[in-house]
Amino acid sequence: MDWSDEGIVLSARKHGESAAIVTLFTRAHGRHAGLVRGGAGRRQRGLYQAGNRLTATWRARLEEQLG
């Protein structure tokens, strides 16, 4: 299942050394949490702060899986 949508970041927490688990809310798909590789790194950390708007692309084998 693949989709792309605009959303608002609700929260982000570090996962491992450089990945982050980001929770966002989209108009068409509701609330989703996904793994962002490199999301906790120096260059991308500011993008995933709560309240930021962004375009997300979701890729998962099944709807229930963490992307």
PDB file of N, CA and C in Angstrom:
ATOM      1  N   MET A   1       0.844  -1.176   0.000  1.00  0.00           N
ATOM      2  CA  MET A   1       0.000   0.000   0.000  1.00  0.00           C
ATOM      3  C   MET A   1       0.889   1.239   0.000  1.00  0.00           C
ATOM      4  N   ASP A   2       0.724   2.101  -0.967  1.00  0.00           N
ATOM      5  CA  ASP A   2       1.488   3.341  -1.069  1.00  0.00           C
ATOM      6  C   ASP A   2       0.529   4.514  -1.173  1.00  0.00           C
ATOM      7  N   TRP A   3       0.852   5.594  -0.470  1.00  0.00           N
ATOM      8  CA  TRP A   3       0.091   6.828  -0.608  1.00  0.00           C
ATOM      9  C   TRP A   3       0.985   8.010  -0.286  1.00  0.00           C
ATOM     10  N   SER A   4       0.571   9.178  -0.738  1.00  0.00           N
ATOM     11  CA  SER A   4       1.289  10.415  -0.462  1.00  0.00           C
ATOM     12  C   SER A   4       0.254  11.468  -0.096  1.00  0.00           C
ATOM     13  N   ASP A   5       0.538  12.258   0.951  1.00  0.00           N
ATOM     14  CA  ASP A   5      -0.433  13.232   1.430  1.00  0.00           C
ATOM     15  C   ASP A   5       0.278  14.308   2.242  1.00  0.00           C
ATOM     16  N   GLU A   6      -0.338  15.472   2.360  1.00  0.00           N
ATOM     17  CA  GLU A   6       0.175  16.531   3.227  1.00  0.00           C
ATOM     18  C   GLU A   6      -0.284  16.273   4.642  1.00  0.00           C
ATOM     19  N   GLY A   7       0.579  16.594   5.614  1.00  0.00           N
ATOM     20  CA  GLY A   7       0.213  16.361   7.000  1.00  0.00           C
ATOM     21  C   GLY A   7       0.902  17.312   7.953  1.00  0.00           C
ATOM     22  N   ILE A   8       0.504  17.224   9.223  1.00  0.00           N
ATOM     23  CA  ILE A   8       1.080  18.026  10.302  1.00  0.00           C
ATOM     24  C   ILE A   8       1.760  17.070  11.270  1.00  0.00           C
ATOM     25  N   VAL A   9       3.001  17.376  11.640  1.00  0.00           N
ATOM     26  CA  VAL A   9       3.752  16.539  12.572  1.00  0.00           C
ATOM     27  C   VAL A   9       3.171  16.709  13.970  1.00  0.00           C
ATOM     28  N   LEU A  10       2.792  15.594  14.599  1.00  0.00           N
ATOM     29  CA  LEU A  10       2.291  15.614  15.967  1.00  0.00           C
ATOM     30  C   LEU A  10       3.420  15.381  16.963  1.00  0.00           C
ATOM     31  N   SER A  11       4.315  14.446  16.652  1.00  0.00           N
ATOM     32  CA  SER A  11       5.447  14.169  17.539  1.00  0.00           C
ATOM     33  C   SER A  11       6.532  13.438  16.767  1.00  0.00           C
ATOM     34  N   ALA A  12       7.734  13.455  17.328  1.00  0.00           N
ATOM     35  CA  ALA A  12       8.864  12.715  16.767  1.00  0.00           C
ATOM     36  C   ALA A  12       9.747  12.277  17.921  1.00  0.00           C
ATOM     37  N   ARG A  13      10.166  11.024  17.881  1.00  0.00           N
ATOM     38  CA  ARG A  13      11.078  10.528  18.917  1.00  0.00           C
ATOM     39  C   ARG A  13      12.185   9.717  18.252  1.00  0.00           C
ATOM     40  N   LYS A  14      13.347   9.755  18.855  1.00  0.00           N
ATOM     41  CA  LYS A  14      14.518   9.089  18.316  1.00  0.00           C
ATOM     42  C   LYS A  14      14.347   7.576  18.391  1.00  0.00           C
ATOM     43  N   HIS A  15      14.841   6.889  17.370  1.00  0.00           N
ATOM     44  CA  HIS A  15      14.796   5.429  17.317  1.00  0.00           C
ATOM     45  C   HIS A  15      16.160   4.957  16.818  1.00  0.00           C
ATOM     46  N   GLY A  16      16.950   4.404  17.701  1.00  0.00           N
ATOM     47  CA  GLY A  16      18.301   3.999  17.317  1.00  0.00           C
ATOM     48  C   GLY A  16      19.210   5.213  17.241  1.00  0.00           C
ATOM     49  N   GLU A  17      20.253   5.125  16.416  1.00  0.00           N
ATOM     50  CA  GLU A  17      21.225   6.215  16.336  1.00  0.00           C
ATOM     51  C   GLU A  17      20.742   7.393  15.511  1.00  0.00           C
ATOM     52  N   SER A  18      20.157   7.122  14.349  1.00  0.00           N
ATOM     53  CA  SER A  18      19.811   8.248  13.478  1.00  0.00           C
ATOM     54  C   SER A  18      18.373   8.233  12.968  1.00  0.00           C
ATOM     55  N   ALA A  19      17.623   7.192  13.230  1.00  0.00           N
ATOM     56  CA  ALA A  19      16.238   7.125  12.755  1.00  0.00           C
ATOM     57  C   ALA A  19      15.301   7.798  13.755  1.00  0.00           C
ATOM     58  N   ALA A  20      14.095   8.119  13.290  1.00  0.00           N
ATOM     59  CA  ALA A  20      13.084   8.726  14.153  1.00  0.00           C
ATOM     60  C   ALA A  20      11.727   8.102  13.835  1.00  0.00           C
ATOM     61  N   ILE A  21      10.899   7.981  14.851  1.00  0.00           N
ATOM     62  CA  ILE A  21       9.509   7.574  14.652  1.00  0.00           C
ATOM     63  C   ILE A  21       8.686   8.850  14.704  1.00  0.00           C
ATOM     64  N   VAL A  22       8.064   9.177  13.588  1.00  0.00           N
ATOM     65  CA  VAL A  22       7.330  10.430  13.442  1.00  0.00           C
ATOM     66  C   VAL A  22       5.843  10.119  13.365  1.00  0.00           C
ATOM     67  N   THR A  23       5.059  10.804  14.183  1.00  0.00           N
ATOM     68  CA  THR A  23       3.607  10.676  14.157  1.00  0.00           C
ATOM     69  C   THR A  23       3.055  11.916  13.482  1.00  0.00           C
ATOM     70  N   LEU A  24       2.239  11.711  12.458  1.00  0.00           N
ATOM     71  CA  LEU A  24       1.649  12.856  11.767  1.00  0.00           C
ATOM     72  C   LEU A  24       0.175  12.632  11.514  1.00  0.00           C
ATOM     73  N   PHE A  25      -0.510  13.725  11.280  1.00  0.00           N
ATOM     74  CA  PHE A  25      -1.946  13.698  11.017  1.00  0.00           C
ATOM     75  C   PHE A  25      -2.187  14.228   9.616  1.00  0.00           C
ATOM     76  N   THR A  26      -2.874  13.432   8.783  1.00  0.00           N
ATOM     77  CA  THR A  26      -3.193  13.848   7.421  1.00  0.00           C
ATOM     78  C   THR A  26      -4.704  13.940   7.257  1.00  0.00           C
ATOM     79  N   ARG A  27      -5.124  14.747   6.335  1.00  0.00           N
ATOM     80  CA  ARG A  27      -6.552  14.939   6.104  1.00  0.00           C
ATOM     81  C   ARG A  27      -7.207  13.674   5.557  1.00  0.00           C
ATOM     82  N   ALA A  28      -6.567  13.024   4.603  1.00  0.00           N
ATOM     83  CA  ALA A  28      -7.178  11.870   3.946  1.00  0.00           C
ATOM     84  C   ALA A  28      -6.963  10.553   4.687  1.00  0.00           C
ATOM     85  N   HIS A  29      -5.870  10.432   5.461  1.00  0.00           N
ATOM     86  CA  HIS A  29      -5.526   9.145   6.063  1.00  0.00           C
ATOM     87  C   HIS A  29      -5.485   9.151   7.582  1.00  0.00           C
ATOM     88  N   GLY A  30      -5.742  10.283   8.213  1.00  0.00           N
ATOM     89  CA  GLY A  30      -5.777  10.340   9.672  1.00  0.00           C
ATOM     90  C   GLY A  30      -4.395  10.331  10.304  1.00  0.00           C
ATOM     91  N   ARG A  31      -4.321   9.752  11.496  1.00  0.00           N
ATOM     92  CA  ARG A  31      -3.067   9.731  12.259  1.00  0.00           C
ATOM     93  C   ARG A  31      -2.250   8.494  11.906  1.00  0.00           C
ATOM     94  N   HIS A  32      -0.968   8.692  11.598  1.00  0.00           N
ATOM     95  CA  HIS A  32      -0.064   7.594  11.259  1.00  0.00           C
ATOM     96  C   HIS A  32       1.289   7.832  11.899  1.00  0.00           C
ATOM     97  N   ALA A  33       1.931   6.749  12.315  1.00  0.00           N
ATOM     98  CA  ALA A  33       3.301   6.805  12.827  1.00  0.00           C
ATOM     99  C   ALA A  33       4.173   6.004  11.878  1.00  0.00           C
ATOM    100  N   GLY A  34       5.325   6.555  11.536  1.00  0.00           N
ATOM    101  CA  GLY A  34       6.208   5.867  10.608  1.00  0.00           C
ATOM    102  C   GLY A  34       7.665   6.094  10.932  1.00  0.00           C
ATOM    103  N   LEU A  35       8.503   5.203  10.448  1.00  0.00           N
ATOM    104  CA  LEU A  35       9.940   5.281  10.657  1.00  0.00           C
ATOM    105  C   LEU A  35      10.559   6.142   9.571  1.00  0.00           C
ATOM    106  N   VAL A  36      11.341   7.136   9.986  1.00  0.00           N
ATOM    107  CA  VAL A  36      12.050   8.007   9.048  1.00  0.00           C
ATOM    108  C   VAL A  36      13.530   7.752   9.247  1.00  0.00           C
ATOM    109  N   ARG A  37      14.165   7.129   8.274  1.00  0.00           N
ATOM    110  CA  ARG A  37      15.597   6.859   8.382  1.00  0.00           C
ATOM    111  C   ARG A  37      16.363   8.164   8.221  1.00  0.00           C
ATOM    112  N   GLY A  38      17.252   8.432   9.149  1.00  0.00           N
ATOM    113  CA  GLY A  38      18.007   9.682   9.145  1.00  0.00           C
ATOM    114  C   GLY A  38      17.244  10.842   9.750  1.00  0.00           C
ATOM    115  N   GLY A  39      16.047  10.613  10.238  1.00  0.00           N
ATOM    116  CA  GLY A  39      15.191  11.674  10.757  1.00  0.00           C
ATOM    117  C   GLY A  39      15.672  12.314  12.043  1.00  0.00           C
ATOM    118  N   ALA A  40      16.527  11.626  12.802  1.00  0.00           N
ATOM    119  CA  ALA A  40      17.050  12.189  14.048  1.00  0.00           C
ATOM    120  C   ALA A  40      18.434  12.794  13.849  1.00  0.00           C
ATOM    121  N   GLY A  41      18.915  12.787  12.616  1.00  0.00           N
ATOM    122  CA  GLY A  41      20.230  13.351  12.318  1.00  0.00           C
ATOM    123  C   GLY A  41      20.217  14.871  12.367  1.00  0.00           C
ATOM    124  N   ARG A  42      21.404  15.448  12.360  1.00  0.00           N
ATOM    125  CA  ARG A  42      21.542  16.909  12.452  1.00  0.00           C
ATOM    126  C   ARG A  42      20.814  17.653  11.339  1.00  0.00           C
ATOM    127  N   ARG A  43      20.897  17.152  10.131  1.00  0.00           N
ATOM    128  CA  ARG A  43      20.343  17.874   8.977  1.00  0.00           C
ATOM    129  C   ARG A  43      18.821  17.827   8.909  1.00  0.00           C
ATOM    130  N   GLN A  44      18.214  16.748   9.352  1.00  0.00           N
ATOM    131  CA  GLN A  44      16.761  16.592   9.210  1.00  0.00           C
ATOM    132  C   GLN A  44      15.982  16.801  10.499  1.00  0.00           C
ATOM    133  N   ARG A  45      16.660  16.936  11.614  1.00  0.00           N
ATOM    134  CA  ARG A  45      15.989  17.033  12.916  1.00  0.00           C
ATOM    135  C   ARG A  45      14.937  18.145  12.944  1.00  0.00           C
ATOM    136  N   GLY A  46      15.234  19.299  12.371  1.00  0.00           N
ATOM    137  CA  GLY A  46      14.313  20.433  12.389  1.00  0.00           C
ATOM    138  C   GLY A  46      13.057  20.231  11.559  1.00  0.00           C
ATOM    139  N   LEU A  47      13.121  19.381  10.556  1.00  0.00           N
ATOM    140  CA  LEU A  47      11.958  19.138   9.699  1.00  0.00           C
ATOM    141  C   LEU A  47      10.824  18.442  10.436  1.00  0.00           C
ATOM    142  N   TYR A  48      11.170  17.633  11.427  1.00  0.00           N
ATOM    143  CA  TYR A  48      10.186  16.782  12.089  1.00  0.00           C
ATOM    144  C   TYR A  48       9.800  17.281  13.471  1.00  0.00           C
ATOM    145  N   GLN A  49       9.820  18.582  13.682  1.00  0.00           N
ATOM    146  CA  GLN A  49       9.366  19.156  14.945  1.00  0.00           C
ATOM    147  C   GLN A  49       7.844  19.269  14.925  1.00  0.00           C
ATOM    148  N   ALA A  50       7.233  19.119  16.098  1.00  0.00           N
ATOM    149  CA  ALA A  50       5.771  19.166  16.213  1.00  0.00           C
ATOM    150  C   ALA A  50       5.222  20.471  15.654  1.00  0.00           C
ATOM    151  N   GLY A  51       4.160  20.371  14.860  1.00  0.00           N
ATOM    152  CA  GLY A  51       3.508  21.532  14.273  1.00  0.00           C
ATOM    153  C   GLY A  51       3.925  21.825  12.844  1.00  0.00           C
ATOM    154  N   ASN A  52       5.020  21.241  12.372  1.00  0.00           N
ATOM    155  CA  ASN A  52       5.472  21.479  11.003  1.00  0.00           C
ATOM    156  C   ASN A  52       4.560  20.778  10.005  1.00  0.00           C
ATOM    157  N   ARG A  53       4.345  21.426   8.862  1.00  0.00           N
ATOM    158  CA  ARG A  53       3.587  20.819   7.768  1.00  0.00           C
ATOM    159  C   ARG A  53       4.568  20.222   6.785  1.00  0.00           C
ATOM    160  N   LEU A  54       4.231  19.037   6.270  1.00  0.00           N
ATOM    161  CA  LEU A  54       5.106  18.391   5.304  1.00  0.00           C
ATOM    162  C   LEU A  54       4.305  17.461   4.416  1.00  0.00           C
ATOM    163  N   THR A  55       4.930  17.004   3.347  1.00  0.00           N
ATOM    164  CA  THR A  55       4.331  16.016   2.468  1.00  0.00           C
ATOM    165  C   THR A  55       4.970  14.677   2.780  1.00  0.00           C
ATOM    166  N   ALA A  56       4.143  13.692   3.086  1.00  0.00           N
ATOM    167  CA  ALA A  56       4.637  12.374   3.477  1.00  0.00           C
ATOM    168  C   ALA A  56       4.302  11.351   2.403  1.00  0.00           C
ATOM    169  N   THR A  57       5.211  10.414   2.204  1.00  0.00           N
ATOM    170  CA  THR A  57       4.980   9.274   1.331  1.00  0.00           C
ATOM    171  C   THR A  57       5.036   8.029   2.190  1.00  0.00           C
ATOM    172  N   TRP A  58       3.968   7.257   2.193  1.00  0.00           N
ATOM    173  CA  TRP A  58       3.839   6.073   3.040  1.00  0.00           C
ATOM    174  C   TRP A  58       4.014   4.835   2.174  1.00  0.00           C
ATOM    175  N   ARG A  59       4.890   3.922   2.617  1.00  0.00           N
ATOM    176  CA  ARG A  59       5.080   2.653   1.913  1.00  0.00           C
ATOM    177  C   ARG A  59       5.014   1.521   2.927  1.00  0.00           C
ATOM    178  N   ALA A  60       4.114   0.572   2.712  1.00  0.00           N
ATOM    179  CA  ALA A  60       3.984  -0.582   3.605  1.00  0.00           C
ATOM    180  C   ALA A  60       3.399  -1.751   2.826  1.00  0.00           C
ATOM    181  N   ARG A  61       3.717  -2.950   3.281  1.00  0.00           N
ATOM    182  CA  ARG A  61       3.130  -4.129   2.640  1.00  0.00           C
ATOM    183  C   ARG A  61       1.660  -4.245   2.992  1.00  0.00           C
ATOM    184  N   LEU A  62       1.334  -3.965   4.259  1.00  0.00           N
ATOM    185  CA  LEU A  62      -0.042  -4.028   4.736  1.00  0.00           C
ATOM    186  C   LEU A  62      -0.399  -2.704   5.396  1.00  0.00           C
ATOM    187  N   GLU A  63      -1.677  -2.375   5.481  1.00  0.00           N
ATOM    188  CA  GLU A  63      -2.109  -1.121   6.081  1.00  0.00           C
ATOM    189  C   GLU A  63      -1.705  -0.996   7.538  1.00  0.00           C
ATOM    190  N   GLU A  64      -1.682  -2.103   8.263  1.00  0.00           N
ATOM    191  CA  GLU A  64      -1.417  -2.074   9.697  1.00  0.00           C
ATOM    192  C   GLU A  64       0.058  -1.941  10.041  1.00  0.00           C
ATOM    193  N   GLN A  65       0.954  -2.125   9.067  1.00  0.00           N
ATOM    194  CA  GLN A  65       2.383  -2.128   9.354  1.00  0.00           C
ATOM    195  C   GLN A  65       2.940  -0.729   9.519  1.00  0.00           C
ATOM    196  N   LEU A  66       3.931  -0.620  10.378  1.00  0.00           N
ATOM    197  CA  LEU A  66       4.657   0.628  10.546  1.00  0.00           C
ATOM    198  C   LEU A  66       5.510   0.834   9.310  1.00  0.00           C
ATOM    199  N   GLY A  67       5.395   2.014   8.646  1.00  0.00           N
ATOM    200  CA  GLY A  67       6.091   2.240   7.389  1.00  0.00           C
ATOM    201  C   GLY A  67       7.474   2.748   7.514  1.00  0.00           C
TER     202      GLY A  67
END
